[in-house]
Amino acid sequence: MASIDELMHANLLEVFGERDPVARKAAIARTYAPDVVFSDPEETVTGHDALDAKAQGLLDSSPDFVFTPGGSVHVVDDLGHLAWEFGPAGKPPVARGADIALVRDGLIVRLYTLLL
């Protein structure tokens, strides 16, 4: 069973930062509950397929951008928090944010993305 630290990094780098759709789908299957609910300032979506489409849309709209953790994962009980940066590789970020996840039975069941 993955730790919350591992899940938060997988969410950022192996899902939202992964451009290979096959690798991303495998990461989604091992990181989130099937009925995961994801919310960001634009919308709320439910399930693996919707989360995959959300990640793909973000990557399609920013082809040269990469995610970078903005610090350590912070954990309280079943809740994880990870700040992140997003922008062209090797250049200053154009966006900063944070992911907050509720974890149950070793999977993310609820994920919030905040833009800072």
PDB file of N, CA and C in Angstrom:
ATOM      1  N   MET A   1       0.852  -1.176   0.000  1.00  0.00           N
ATOM      2  CA  MET A   1       0.000   0.000   0.000  1.00  0.00           C
ATOM      3  C   MET A   1       0.903   1.247   0.000  1.00  0.00           C
ATOM      4  N   ALA A   2       0.597   2.186  -0.871  1.00  0.00           N
ATOM      5  CA  ALA A   2       1.395   3.402  -1.003  1.00  0.00           C
ATOM      6  C   ALA A   2       1.155   4.347   0.170  1.00  0.00           C
ATOM      7  N   SER A   3       2.195   5.068   0.536  1.00  0.00           N
ATOM      8  CA  SER A   3       2.057   6.094   1.572  1.00  0.00           C
ATOM      9  C   SER A   3       1.411   7.337   0.959  1.00  0.00           C
ATOM     10  N   ILE A   4       0.942   8.222   1.818  1.00  0.00           N
ATOM     11  CA  ILE A   4       0.361   9.472   1.332  1.00  0.00           C
ATOM     12  C   ILE A   4       1.420  10.279   0.586  1.00  0.00           C
ATOM     13  N   ASP A   5       2.646  10.276   1.059  1.00  0.00           N
ATOM     14  CA  ASP A   5       3.738  10.956   0.365  1.00  0.00           C
ATOM     15  C   ASP A   5       3.886  10.412  -1.056  1.00  0.00           C
ATOM     16  N   GLU A   6       3.906   9.097  -1.191  1.00  0.00           N
ATOM     17  CA  GLU A   6       4.031   8.474  -2.521  1.00  0.00           C
ATOM     18  C   GLU A   6       2.832   8.809  -3.409  1.00  0.00           C
ATOM     19  N   LEU A   7       1.637   8.791  -2.837  1.00  0.00           N
ATOM     20  CA  LEU A   7       0.437   9.106  -3.611  1.00  0.00           C
ATOM     21  C   LEU A   7       0.442  10.548  -4.106  1.00  0.00           C
ATOM     22  N   MET A   8       0.876  11.470  -3.268  1.00  0.00           N
ATOM     23  CA  MET A   8       0.899  12.881  -3.663  1.00  0.00           C
ATOM     24  C   MET A   8       1.893  13.118  -4.799  1.00  0.00           C
ATOM     25  N   HIS A   9       3.051  12.486  -4.723  1.00  0.00           N
ATOM     26  CA  HIS A   9       4.030  12.616  -5.806  1.00  0.00           C
ATOM     27  C   HIS A   9       3.539  11.927  -7.079  1.00  0.00           C
ATOM     28  N   ALA A  10       2.900  10.772  -6.942  1.00  0.00           N
ATOM     29  CA  ALA A  10       2.351  10.082  -8.119  1.00  0.00           C
ATOM     30  C   ALA A  10       1.279  10.946  -8.774  1.00  0.00           C
ATOM     31  N   ASN A  11       0.413  11.550  -7.983  1.00  0.00           N
ATOM     32  CA  ASN A  11      -0.623  12.429  -8.514  1.00  0.00           C
ATOM     33  C   ASN A  11      -0.005  13.540  -9.359  1.00  0.00           C
ATOM     34  N   LEU A  12       1.009  14.197  -8.826  1.00  0.00           N
ATOM     35  CA  LEU A  12       1.610  15.341  -9.511  1.00  0.00           C
ATOM     36  C   LEU A  12       2.425  14.922 -10.729  1.00  0.00           C
ATOM     37  N   LEU A  13       3.318  13.955 -10.544  1.00  0.00           N
ATOM     38  CA  LEU A  13       4.302  13.646 -11.580  1.00  0.00           C
ATOM     39  C   LEU A  13       3.894  12.513 -12.518  1.00  0.00           C
ATOM     40  N   GLU A  14       3.247  11.485 -11.994  1.00  0.00           N
ATOM     41  CA  GLU A  14       2.916  10.318 -12.811  1.00  0.00           C
ATOM     42  C   GLU A  14       1.537  10.413 -13.458  1.00  0.00           C
ATOM     43  N   VAL A  15       0.718  11.342 -12.986  1.00  0.00           N
ATOM     44  CA  VAL A  15      -0.608  11.533 -13.582  1.00  0.00           C
ATOM     45  C   VAL A  15      -0.647  12.877 -14.307  1.00  0.00           C
ATOM     46  N   PHE A  16      -0.644  13.960 -13.567  1.00  0.00           N
ATOM     47  CA  PHE A  16      -0.789  15.268 -14.203  1.00  0.00           C
ATOM     48  C   PHE A  16       0.459  15.694 -14.967  1.00  0.00           C
ATOM     49  N   GLY A  17       1.593  15.095 -14.662  1.00  0.00           N
ATOM     50  CA  GLY A  17       2.814  15.421 -15.395  1.00  0.00           C
ATOM     51  C   GLY A  17       3.210  14.395 -16.437  1.00  0.00           C
ATOM     52  N   GLU A  18       2.428  13.343 -16.598  1.00  0.00           N
ATOM     53  CA  GLU A  18       2.790  12.237 -17.504  1.00  0.00           C
ATOM     54  C   GLU A  18       2.157  12.420 -18.876  1.00  0.00           C
ATOM     55  N   ARG A  19       2.982  12.513 -19.898  1.00  0.00           N
ATOM     56  CA  ARG A  19       2.486  12.714 -21.268  1.00  0.00           C
ATOM     57  C   ARG A  19       2.171  11.409 -21.994  1.00  0.00           C
ATOM     58  N   ASP A  20       2.681  10.297 -21.516  1.00  0.00           N
ATOM     59  CA  ASP A  20       2.383   8.998 -22.122  1.00  0.00           C
ATOM     60  C   ASP A  20       1.040   8.513 -21.574  1.00  0.00           C
ATOM     61  N   PRO A  21      -0.001   8.417 -22.432  1.00  0.00           N
ATOM     62  CA  PRO A  21      -1.328   8.059 -21.921  1.00  0.00           C
ATOM     63  C   PRO A  21      -1.402   6.674 -21.294  1.00  0.00           C
ATOM     64  N   VAL A  22      -0.622   5.724 -21.775  1.00  0.00           N
ATOM     65  CA  VAL A  22      -0.647   4.373 -21.203  1.00  0.00           C
ATOM     66  C   VAL A  22      -0.049   4.390 -19.797  1.00  0.00           C
ATOM     67  N   ALA A  23       1.082   5.053 -19.637  1.00  0.00           N
ATOM     68  CA  ALA A  23       1.708   5.152 -18.318  1.00  0.00           C
ATOM     69  C   ALA A  23       0.813   5.934 -17.355  1.00  0.00           C
ATOM     70  N   ARG A  24       0.170   6.991 -17.857  1.00  0.00           N
ATOM     71  CA  ARG A  24      -0.710   7.797 -17.000  1.00  0.00           C
ATOM     72  C   ARG A  24      -1.898   6.967 -16.523  1.00  0.00           C
ATOM     73  N   LYS A  25      -2.510   6.190 -17.414  1.00  0.00           N
ATOM     74  CA  LYS A  25      -3.662   5.363 -17.011  1.00  0.00           C
ATOM     75  C   LYS A  25      -3.260   4.328 -15.963  1.00  0.00           C
ATOM     76  N   ALA A  26      -2.069   3.758 -16.100  1.00  0.00           N
ATOM     77  CA  ALA A  26      -1.591   2.796 -15.099  1.00  0.00           C
ATOM     78  C   ALA A  26      -1.399   3.494 -13.751  1.00  0.00           C
ATOM     79  N   ALA A  27      -0.855   4.714 -13.772  1.00  0.00           N
ATOM     80  CA  ALA A  27      -0.662   5.466 -12.525  1.00  0.00           C
ATOM     81  C   ALA A  27      -2.003   5.834 -11.898  1.00  0.00           C
ATOM     82  N   ILE A  28      -2.972   6.196 -12.722  1.00  0.00           N
ATOM     83  CA  ILE A  28      -4.303   6.512 -12.209  1.00  0.00           C
ATOM     84  C   ILE A  28      -4.895   5.306 -11.492  1.00  0.00           C
ATOM     85  N   ALA A  29      -4.775   4.131 -12.081  1.00  0.00           N
ATOM     86  CA  ALA A  29      -5.345   2.912 -11.493  1.00  0.00           C
ATOM     87  C   ALA A  29      -4.742   2.588 -10.134  1.00  0.00           C
ATOM     88  N   ARG A  30      -3.454   2.900  -9.947  1.00  0.00           N
ATOM     89  CA  ARG A  30      -2.817   2.551  -8.670  1.00  0.00           C
ATOM     90  C   ARG A  30      -2.811   3.700  -7.656  1.00  0.00           C
ATOM     91  N   THR A  31      -3.284   4.875  -8.062  1.00  0.00           N
ATOM     92  CA  THR A  31      -3.204   6.044  -7.197  1.00  0.00           C
ATOM     93  C   THR A  31      -4.560   6.480  -6.640  1.00  0.00           C
ATOM     94  N   TYR A  32      -5.644   6.272  -7.409  1.00  0.00           N
ATOM     95  CA  TYR A  32      -6.955   6.801  -7.032  1.00  0.00           C
ATOM     96  C   TYR A  32      -7.996   5.700  -6.902  1.00  0.00           C
ATOM     97  N   ALA A  33      -8.960   5.936  -6.035  1.00  0.00           N
ATOM     98  CA  ALA A  33     -10.146   5.084  -5.963  1.00  0.00           C
ATOM     99  C   ALA A  33     -10.910   5.230  -7.280  1.00  0.00           C
ATOM    100  N   PRO A  34     -11.629   4.189  -7.708  1.00  0.00           N
ATOM    101  CA  PRO A  34     -12.364   4.276  -8.983  1.00  0.00           C
ATOM    102  C   PRO A  34     -13.343   5.443  -9.049  1.00  0.00           C
ATOM    103  N   ASP A  35     -13.915   5.825  -7.925  1.00  0.00           N
ATOM    104  CA  ASP A  35     -14.889   6.924  -7.903  1.00  0.00           C
ATOM    105  C   ASP A  35     -14.295   8.220  -7.337  1.00  0.00           C
ATOM    106  N   VAL A  36     -12.985   8.404  -7.540  1.00  0.00           N
ATOM    107  CA  VAL A  36     -12.309   9.607  -7.068  1.00  0.00           C
ATOM    108  C   VAL A  36     -13.044  10.854  -7.560  1.00  0.00           C
ATOM    109  N   VAL A  37     -13.097  11.857  -6.694  1.00  0.00           N
ATOM    110  CA  VAL A  37     -13.689  13.141  -7.054  1.00  0.00           C
ATOM    111  C   VAL A  37     -12.568  14.173  -7.044  1.00  0.00           C
ATOM    112  N   PHE A  38     -12.418  14.884  -8.169  1.00  0.00           N
ATOM    113  CA  PHE A  38     -11.380  15.890  -8.340  1.00  0.00           C
ATOM    114  C   PHE A  38     -12.022  17.252  -8.571  1.00  0.00           C
ATOM    115  N   SER A  39     -11.566  18.252  -7.819  1.00  0.00           N
ATOM    116  CA  SER A  39     -12.069  19.615  -7.988  1.00  0.00           C
ATOM    117  C   SER A  39     -10.908  20.580  -8.158  1.00  0.00           C
ATOM    118  N   ASP A  40     -11.071  21.488  -9.128  1.00  0.00           N
ATOM    119  CA  ASP A  40     -10.171  22.609  -9.296  1.00  0.00           C
ATOM    120  C   ASP A  40     -11.033  23.845  -9.537  1.00  0.00           C
ATOM    121  N   PRO A  41     -10.445  25.020  -9.736  1.00  0.00           N
ATOM    122  CA  PRO A  41     -11.279  26.205  -9.914  1.00  0.00           C
ATOM    123  C   PRO A  41     -12.216  26.151 -11.125  1.00  0.00           C
ATOM    124  N   GLU A  42     -11.949  25.279 -12.083  1.00  0.00           N
ATOM    125  CA  GLU A  42     -12.777  25.186 -13.290  1.00  0.00           C
ATOM    126  C   GLU A  42     -13.984  24.272 -13.146  1.00  0.00           C
ATOM    127  N   GLU A  43     -13.794  23.129 -12.464  1.00  0.00           N
ATOM    128  CA  GLU A  43     -14.872  22.144 -12.426  1.00  0.00           C
ATOM    129  C   GLU A  43     -14.583  21.045 -11.413  1.00  0.00           C
ATOM    130  N   THR A  44     -15.570  20.183 -11.238  1.00  0.00           N
ATOM    131  CA  THR A  44     -15.439  18.964 -10.446  1.00  0.00           C
ATOM    132  C   THR A  44     -15.771  17.797 -11.352  1.00  0.00           C
ATOM    133  N   VAL A  45     -14.886  16.779 -11.344  1.00  0.00           N
ATOM    134  CA  VAL A  45     -15.106  15.587 -12.158  1.00  0.00           C
ATOM    135  C   VAL A  45     -14.985  14.356 -11.275  1.00  0.00           C
ATOM    136  N   THR A  46     -15.577  13.252 -11.735  1.00  0.00           N
ATOM    137  CA  THR A  46     -15.588  12.017 -10.950  1.00  0.00           C
ATOM    138  C   THR A  46     -15.122  10.845 -11.795  1.00  0.00           C
ATOM    139  N   GLY A  47     -14.255  10.020 -11.217  1.00  0.00           N
ATOM    140  CA  GLY A  47     -13.838   8.776 -11.838  1.00  0.00           C
ATOM    141  C   GLY A  47     -12.522   8.856 -12.595  1.00  0.00           C
ATOM    142  N   HIS A  48     -11.977   7.678 -12.854  1.00  0.00           N
ATOM    143  CA  HIS A  48     -10.679   7.564 -13.521  1.00  0.00           C
ATOM    144  C   HIS A  48     -10.670   8.206 -14.905  1.00  0.00           C
ATOM    145  N   ASP A  49     -11.680   7.916 -15.720  1.00  0.00           N
ATOM    146  CA  ASP A  49     -11.694   8.439 -17.090  1.00  0.00           C
ATOM    147  C   ASP A  49     -11.758   9.958 -17.105  1.00  0.00           C
ATOM    148  N   ALA A  50     -12.564  10.538 -16.250  1.00  0.00           N
ATOM    149  CA  ALA A  50     -12.677  12.001 -16.190  1.00  0.00           C
ATOM    150  C   ALA A  50     -11.379  12.632 -15.705  1.00  0.00           C
ATOM    151  N   LEU A  51     -10.728  12.001 -14.746  1.00  0.00           N
ATOM    152  CA  LEU A  51      -9.454  12.507 -14.250  1.00  0.00           C
ATOM    153  C   LEU A  51      -8.387  12.421 -15.334  1.00  0.00           C
ATOM    154  N   ASP A  52      -8.371  11.321 -16.071  1.00  0.00           N
ATOM    155  CA  ASP A  52      -7.439  11.162 -17.180  1.00  0.00           C
ATOM    156  C   ASP A  52      -7.663  12.245 -18.235  1.00  0.00           C
ATOM    157  N   ALA A  53      -8.912  12.513 -18.567  1.00  0.00           N
ATOM    158  CA  ALA A  53      -9.230  13.549 -19.553  1.00  0.00           C
ATOM    159  C   ALA A  53      -8.791  14.926 -19.046  1.00  0.00           C
ATOM    160  N   LYS A  54      -8.956  15.176 -17.766  1.00  0.00           N
ATOM    161  CA  LYS A  54      -8.536  16.451 -17.183  1.00  0.00           C
ATOM    162  C   LYS A  54      -7.026  16.623 -17.319  1.00  0.00           C
ATOM    163  N   ALA A  55      -6.268  15.582 -16.972  1.00  0.00           N
ATOM    164  CA  ALA A  55      -4.809  15.644 -17.086  1.00  0.00           C
ATOM    165  C   ALA A  55      -4.388  15.818 -18.542  1.00  0.00           C
ATOM    166  N   GLN A  56      -5.009  15.071 -19.445  1.00  0.00           N
ATOM    167  CA  GLN A  56      -4.659  15.174 -20.860  1.00  0.00           C
ATOM    168  C   GLN A  56      -4.934  16.571 -21.403  1.00  0.00           C
ATOM    169  N   GLY A  57      -6.057  17.152 -21.038  1.00  0.00           N
ATOM    170  CA  GLY A  57      -6.395  18.496 -21.480  1.00  0.00           C
ATOM    171  C   GLY A  57      -5.386  19.527 -21.005  1.00  0.00           C
ATOM    172  N   LEU A  58      -4.962  19.407 -19.765  1.00  0.00           N
ATOM    173  CA  LEU A  58      -3.965  20.322 -19.219  1.00  0.00           C
ATOM    174  C   LEU A  58      -2.644  20.180 -19.967  1.00  0.00           C
ATOM    175  N   LEU A  59      -2.212  18.953 -20.191  1.00  0.00           N
ATOM    176  CA  LEU A  59      -0.951  18.725 -20.890  1.00  0.00           C
ATOM    177  C   LEU A  59      -1.025  19.182 -22.347  1.00  0.00           C
ATOM    178  N   ASP A  60      -2.158  18.965 -22.986  1.00  0.00           N
ATOM    179  CA  ASP A  60      -2.325  19.406 -24.375  1.00  0.00           C
ATOM    180  C   ASP A  60      -2.242  20.925 -24.496  1.00  0.00           C
ATOM    181  N   SER A  61      -2.734  21.628 -23.493  1.00  0.00           N
ATOM    182  CA  SER A  61      -2.755  23.088 -23.553  1.00  0.00           C
ATOM    183  C   SER A  61      -1.429  23.725 -23.153  1.00  0.00           C
ATOM    184  N   SER A  62      -0.490  22.923 -22.685  1.00  0.00           N
ATOM    185  CA  SER A  62       0.808  23.446 -22.245  1.00  0.00           C
ATOM    186  C   SER A  62       1.910  22.447 -22.598  1.00  0.00           C
ATOM    187  N   PRO A  63       2.190  22.288 -23.897  1.00  0.00           N
ATOM    188  CA  PRO A  63       3.066  21.205 -24.355  1.00  0.00           C
ATOM    189  C   PRO A  63       4.501  21.241 -23.845  1.00  0.00           C
ATOM    190  N   ASP A  64       5.036  22.390 -23.497  1.00  0.00           N
ATOM    191  CA  ASP A  64       6.430  22.453 -23.051  1.00  0.00           C
ATOM    192  C   ASP A  64       6.565  22.628 -21.550  1.00  0.00           C
ATOM    193  N   PHE A  65       5.470  22.505 -20.816  1.00  0.00           N
ATOM    194  CA  PHE A  65       5.476  22.749 -19.382  1.00  0.00           C
ATOM    195  C   PHE A  65       5.686  21.450 -18.603  1.00  0.00           C
ATOM    196  N   VAL A  66       6.256  21.599 -17.416  1.00  0.00           N
ATOM    197  CA  VAL A  66       6.453  20.470 -16.509  1.00  0.00           C
ATOM    198  C   VAL A  66       6.025  20.878 -15.101  1.00  0.00           C
ATOM    199  N   PHE A  67       5.613  19.889 -14.330  1.00  0.00           N
ATOM    200  CA  PHE A  67       5.315  20.099 -12.921  1.00  0.00           C
ATOM    201  C   PHE A  67       6.559  19.819 -12.101  1.00  0.00           C
ATOM    202  N   THR A  68       6.732  20.602 -11.049  1.00  0.00           N
ATOM    203  CA  THR A  68       7.819  20.403 -10.101  1.00  0.00           C
ATOM    204  C   THR A  68       7.242  20.544  -8.700  1.00  0.00           C
ATOM    205  N   PRO A  69       7.557  19.610  -7.800  1.00  0.00           N
ATOM    206  CA  PRO A  69       7.099  19.798  -6.420  1.00  0.00           C
ATOM    207  C   PRO A  69       7.652  21.104  -5.862  1.00  0.00           C
ATOM    208  N   GLY A  70       6.819  21.809  -5.111  1.00  0.00           N
ATOM    209  CA  GLY A  70       7.223  23.077  -4.515  1.00  0.00           C
ATOM    210  C   GLY A  70       7.639  22.943  -3.065  1.00  0.00           C
ATOM    211  N   GLY A  71       7.920  21.739  -2.641  1.00  0.00           N
ATOM    212  CA  GLY A  71       8.315  21.485  -1.260  1.00  0.00           C
ATOM    213  C   GLY A  71       7.980  20.061  -0.885  1.00  0.00           C
ATOM    214  N   SER A  72       7.961  19.815   0.391  1.00  0.00           N
ATOM    215  CA  SER A  72       7.675  18.483   0.920  1.00  0.00           C
ATOM    216  C   SER A  72       6.177  18.240   0.994  1.00  0.00           C
ATOM    217  N   VAL A  73       5.818  16.977   1.042  1.00  0.00           N
ATOM    218  CA  VAL A  73       4.431  16.602   1.292  1.00  0.00           C
ATOM    219  C   VAL A  73       4.175  16.773   2.789  1.00  0.00           C
ATOM    220  N   HIS A  74       3.044  17.375   3.120  1.00  0.00           N
ATOM    221  CA  HIS A  74       2.621  17.522   4.507  1.00  0.00           C
ATOM    222  C   HIS A  74       1.431  16.594   4.723  1.00  0.00           C
ATOM    223  N   VAL A  75       1.461  15.857   5.841  1.00  0.00           N
ATOM    224  CA  VAL A  75       0.441  14.853   6.110  1.00  0.00           C
ATOM    225  C   VAL A  75      -0.136  15.056   7.503  1.00  0.00           C
ATOM    226  N   VAL A  76      -1.459  14.979   7.577  1.00  0.00           N
ATOM    227  CA  VAL A  76      -2.171  14.933   8.852  1.00  0.00           C
ATOM    228  C   VAL A  76      -3.209  13.832   8.711  1.00  0.00           C
ATOM    229  N   ASP A  77      -3.043  12.780   9.478  1.00  0.00           N
ATOM    230  CA  ASP A  77      -3.939  11.625   9.431  1.00  0.00           C
ATOM    231  C   ASP A  77      -4.107  11.126   7.998  1.00  0.00           C
ATOM    232  N   ASP A  78      -5.296  11.307   7.402  1.00  0.00           N
ATOM    233  CA  ASP A  78      -5.585  10.782   6.071  1.00  0.00           C
ATOM    234  C   ASP A  78      -5.573  11.866   4.992  1.00  0.00           C
ATOM    235  N   LEU A  79      -4.939  13.004   5.308  1.00  0.00           N
ATOM    236  CA  LEU A  79      -4.929  14.154   4.407  1.00  0.00           C
ATOM    237  C   LEU A  79      -3.498  14.477   3.998  1.00  0.00           C
ATOM    238  N   GLY A  80      -3.286  14.687   2.687  1.00  0.00           N
ATOM    239  CA  GLY A  80      -1.981  15.075   2.185  1.00  0.00           C
ATOM    240  C   GLY A  80      -2.045  16.406   1.469  1.00  0.00           C
ATOM    241  N   HIS A  81      -0.949  17.163   1.525  1.00  0.00           N
ATOM    242  CA  HIS A  81      -0.842  18.462   0.868  1.00  0.00           C
ATOM    243  C   HIS A  81       0.521  18.533   0.185  1.00  0.00           C
ATOM    244  N   LEU A  82       0.523  18.966  -1.080  1.00  0.00           N
ATOM    245  CA  LEU A  82       1.771  19.160  -1.809  1.00  0.00           C
ATOM    246  C   LEU A  82       1.656  20.418  -2.666  1.00  0.00           C
ATOM    247  N   ALA A  83       2.537  21.378  -2.417  1.00  0.00           N
ATOM    248  CA  ALA A  83       2.622  22.562  -3.275  1.00  0.00           C
ATOM    249  C   ALA A  83       3.374  22.185  -4.543  1.00  0.00           C
ATOM    250  N   TRP A  84       3.076  22.901  -5.637  1.00  0.00           N
ATOM    251  CA  TRP A  84       3.732  22.611  -6.911  1.00  0.00           C
ATOM    252  C   TRP A  84       3.934  23.875  -7.718  1.00  0.00           C
ATOM    253  N   GLU A  85       4.808  23.747  -8.731  1.00  0.00           N
ATOM    254  CA  GLU A  85       5.060  24.799  -9.699  1.00  0.00           C
ATOM    255  C   GLU A  85       4.884  24.205 -11.086  1.00  0.00           C
ATOM    256  N   PHE A  86       4.489  25.044 -12.055  1.00  0.00           N
ATOM    257  CA  PHE A  86       4.208  24.570 -13.410  1.00  0.00           C
ATOM    258  C   PHE A  86       4.704  25.614 -14.402  1.00  0.00           C
ATOM    259  N   GLY A  87       5.511  25.167 -15.344  1.00  0.00           N
ATOM    260  CA  GLY A  87       6.020  26.084 -16.351  1.00  0.00           C
ATOM    261  C   GLY A  87       6.998  25.392 -17.272  1.00  0.00           C
ATOM    262  N   PRO A  88       7.593  26.158 -18.188  1.00  0.00           N
ATOM    263  CA  PRO A  88       8.555  25.581 -19.124  1.00  0.00           C
ATOM    264  C   PRO A  88       9.750  24.981 -18.378  1.00  0.00           C
ATOM    265  N   ALA A  89      10.218  23.839 -18.831  1.00  0.00           N
ATOM    266  CA  ALA A  89      11.354  23.166 -18.193  1.00  0.00           C
ATOM    267  C   ALA A  89      12.558  24.104 -18.145  1.00  0.00           C
ATOM    268  N   GLY A  90      13.170  24.196 -16.969  1.00  0.00           N
ATOM    269  CA  GLY A  90      14.372  24.990 -16.805  1.00  0.00           C
ATOM    270  C   GLY A  90      14.153  26.486 -16.701  1.00  0.00           C
ATOM    271  N   LYS A  91      12.904  26.926 -16.674  1.00  0.00           N
ATOM    272  CA  LYS A  91      12.595  28.353 -16.583  1.00  0.00           C
ATOM    273  C   LYS A  91      11.702  28.595 -15.371  1.00  0.00           C
ATOM    274  N   PRO A  92      11.550  29.859 -14.972  1.00  0.00           N
ATOM    275  CA  PRO A  92      10.675  30.146 -13.833  1.00  0.00           C
ATOM    276  C   PRO A  92       9.239  29.677 -14.105  1.00  0.00           C
ATOM    277  N   PRO A  93       8.550  29.221 -13.071  1.00  0.00           N
ATOM    278  CA  PRO A  93       7.171  28.755 -13.256  1.00  0.00           C
ATOM    279  C   PRO A  93       6.233  29.890 -13.649  1.00  0.00           C
ATOM    280  N   VAL A  94       5.200  29.533 -14.378  1.00  0.00           N
ATOM    281  CA  VAL A  94       4.163  30.509 -14.720  1.00  0.00           C
ATOM    282  C   VAL A  94       2.933  30.331 -13.847  1.00  0.00           C
ATOM    283  N   ALA A  95       2.883  29.222 -13.122  1.00  0.00           N
ATOM    284  CA  ALA A  95       1.762  28.963 -12.211  1.00  0.00           C
ATOM    285  C   ALA A  95       2.276  28.225 -10.978  1.00  0.00           C
ATOM    286  N   ARG A  96       1.621  28.502  -9.869  1.00  0.00           N
ATOM    287  CA  ARG A  96       1.902  27.788  -8.617  1.00  0.00           C
ATOM    288  C   ARG A  96       0.566  27.355  -8.042  1.00  0.00           C
ATOM    289  N   GLY A  97       0.611  26.246  -7.343  1.00  0.00           N
ATOM    290  CA  GLY A  97      -0.611  25.767  -6.732  1.00  0.00           C
ATOM    291  C   GLY A  97      -0.318  24.757  -5.651  1.00  0.00           C
ATOM    292  N   ALA A  98      -1.369  24.091  -5.227  1.00  0.00           N
ATOM    293  CA  ALA A  98      -1.249  23.059  -4.205  1.00  0.00           C
ATOM    294  C   ALA A  98      -2.334  22.027  -4.428  1.00  0.00           C
ATOM    295  N   ASP A  99      -1.986  20.792  -4.172  1.00  0.00           N
ATOM    296  CA  ASP A  99      -2.942  19.696  -4.200  1.00  0.00           C
ATOM    297  C   ASP A  99      -3.191  19.242  -2.774  1.00  0.00           C
ATOM    298  N   ILE A 100      -4.446  18.988  -2.476  1.00  0.00           N
ATOM    299  CA  ILE A 100      -4.850  18.471  -1.167  1.00  0.00           C
ATOM    300  C   ILE A 100      -5.662  17.218  -1.427  1.00  0.00           C
ATOM    301  N   ALA A 101      -5.259  16.118  -0.817  1.00  0.00           N
ATOM    302  CA  ALA A 101      -5.910  14.840  -1.086  1.00  0.00           C
ATOM    303  C   ALA A 101      -6.355  14.158   0.197  1.00  0.00           C
ATOM    304  N   LEU A 102      -7.534  13.570   0.124  1.00  0.00           N
ATOM    305  CA  LEU A 102      -8.053  12.710   1.171  1.00  0.00           C
ATOM    306  C   LEU A 102      -7.779  11.275   0.741  1.00  0.00           C
ATOM    307  N   VAL A 103      -7.153  10.508   1.608  1.00  0.00           N
ATOM    308  CA  VAL A 103      -6.740   9.145   1.276  1.00  0.00           C
ATOM    309  C   VAL A 103      -7.489   8.154   2.151  1.00  0.00           C
ATOM    310  N   ARG A 104      -7.957   7.102   1.519  1.00  0.00           N
ATOM    311  CA  ARG A 104      -8.637   6.022   2.238  1.00  0.00           C
ATOM    312  C   ARG A 104      -8.173   4.699   1.641  1.00  0.00           C
ATOM    313  N   ASP A 105      -7.780   3.769   2.495  1.00  0.00           N
ATOM    314  CA  ASP A 105      -7.350   2.428   2.067  1.00  0.00           C
ATOM    315  C   ASP A 105      -6.246   2.482   1.016  1.00  0.00           C
ATOM    316  N   GLY A 106      -5.323   3.436   1.173  1.00  0.00           N
ATOM    317  CA  GLY A 106      -4.162   3.513   0.304  1.00  0.00           C
ATOM    318  C   GLY A 106      -4.407   4.116  -1.067  1.00  0.00           C
ATOM    319  N   LEU A 107      -5.563   4.771  -1.257  1.00  0.00           N
ATOM    320  CA  LEU A 107      -5.889   5.414  -2.532  1.00  0.00           C
ATOM    321  C   LEU A 107      -6.456   6.806  -2.277  1.00  0.00           C
ATOM    322  N   ILE A 108      -6.223   7.707  -3.214  1.00  0.00           N
ATOM    323  CA  ILE A 108      -6.814   9.040  -3.126  1.00  0.00           C
ATOM    324  C   ILE A 108      -8.290   8.926  -3.494  1.00  0.00           C
ATOM    325  N   VAL A 109      -9.159   9.408  -2.602  1.00  0.00           N
ATOM    326  CA  VAL A 109     -10.605   9.360  -2.848  1.00  0.00           C
ATOM    327  C   VAL A 109     -11.163  10.741  -3.180  1.00  0.00           C
ATOM    328  N   ARG A 110     -10.464  11.791  -2.747  1.00  0.00           N
ATOM    329  CA  ARG A 110     -10.917  13.171  -3.012  1.00  0.00           C
ATOM    330  C   ARG A 110      -9.683  14.021  -3.203  1.00  0.00           C
ATOM    331  N   LEU A 111      -9.667  14.800  -4.278  1.00  0.00           N
ATOM    332  CA  LEU A 111      -8.500  15.620  -4.599  1.00  0.00           C
ATOM    333  C   LEU A 111      -8.953  17.034  -4.941  1.00  0.00           C
ATOM    334  N   TYR A 112      -8.299  17.997  -4.325  1.00  0.00           N
ATOM    335  CA  TYR A 112      -8.560  19.411  -4.599  1.00  0.00           C
ATOM    336  C   TYR A 112      -7.280  20.032  -5.119  1.00  0.00           C
ATOM    337  N   THR A 113      -7.389  20.836  -6.170  1.00  0.00           N
ATOM    338  CA  THR A 113      -6.257  21.609  -6.666  1.00  0.00           C
ATOM    339  C   THR A 113      -6.573  23.083  -6.500  1.00  0.00           C
ATOM    340  N   LEU A 114      -5.678  23.788  -5.825  1.00  0.00           N
ATOM    341  CA  LEU A 114      -5.813  25.215  -5.606  1.00  0.00           C
ATOM    342  C   LEU A 114      -4.726  25.933  -6.395  1.00  0.00           C
ATOM    343  N   LEU A 115      -5.085  27.022  -7.049  1.00  0.00           N
ATOM    344  CA  LEU A 115      -4.095  27.869  -7.715  1.00  0.00           C
ATOM    345  C   LEU A 115      -3.721  28.978  -6.761  1.00  0.00           C
ATOM    346  N   LEU A 116      -2.418  29.224  -6.639  1.00  0.00           N
ATOM    347  CA  LEU A 116      -1.943  30.234  -5.688  1.00  0.00           C
ATOM    348  C   LEU A 116      -1.466  31.469  -6.422  1.00  0.00           C
TER     349      LEU A 116
END
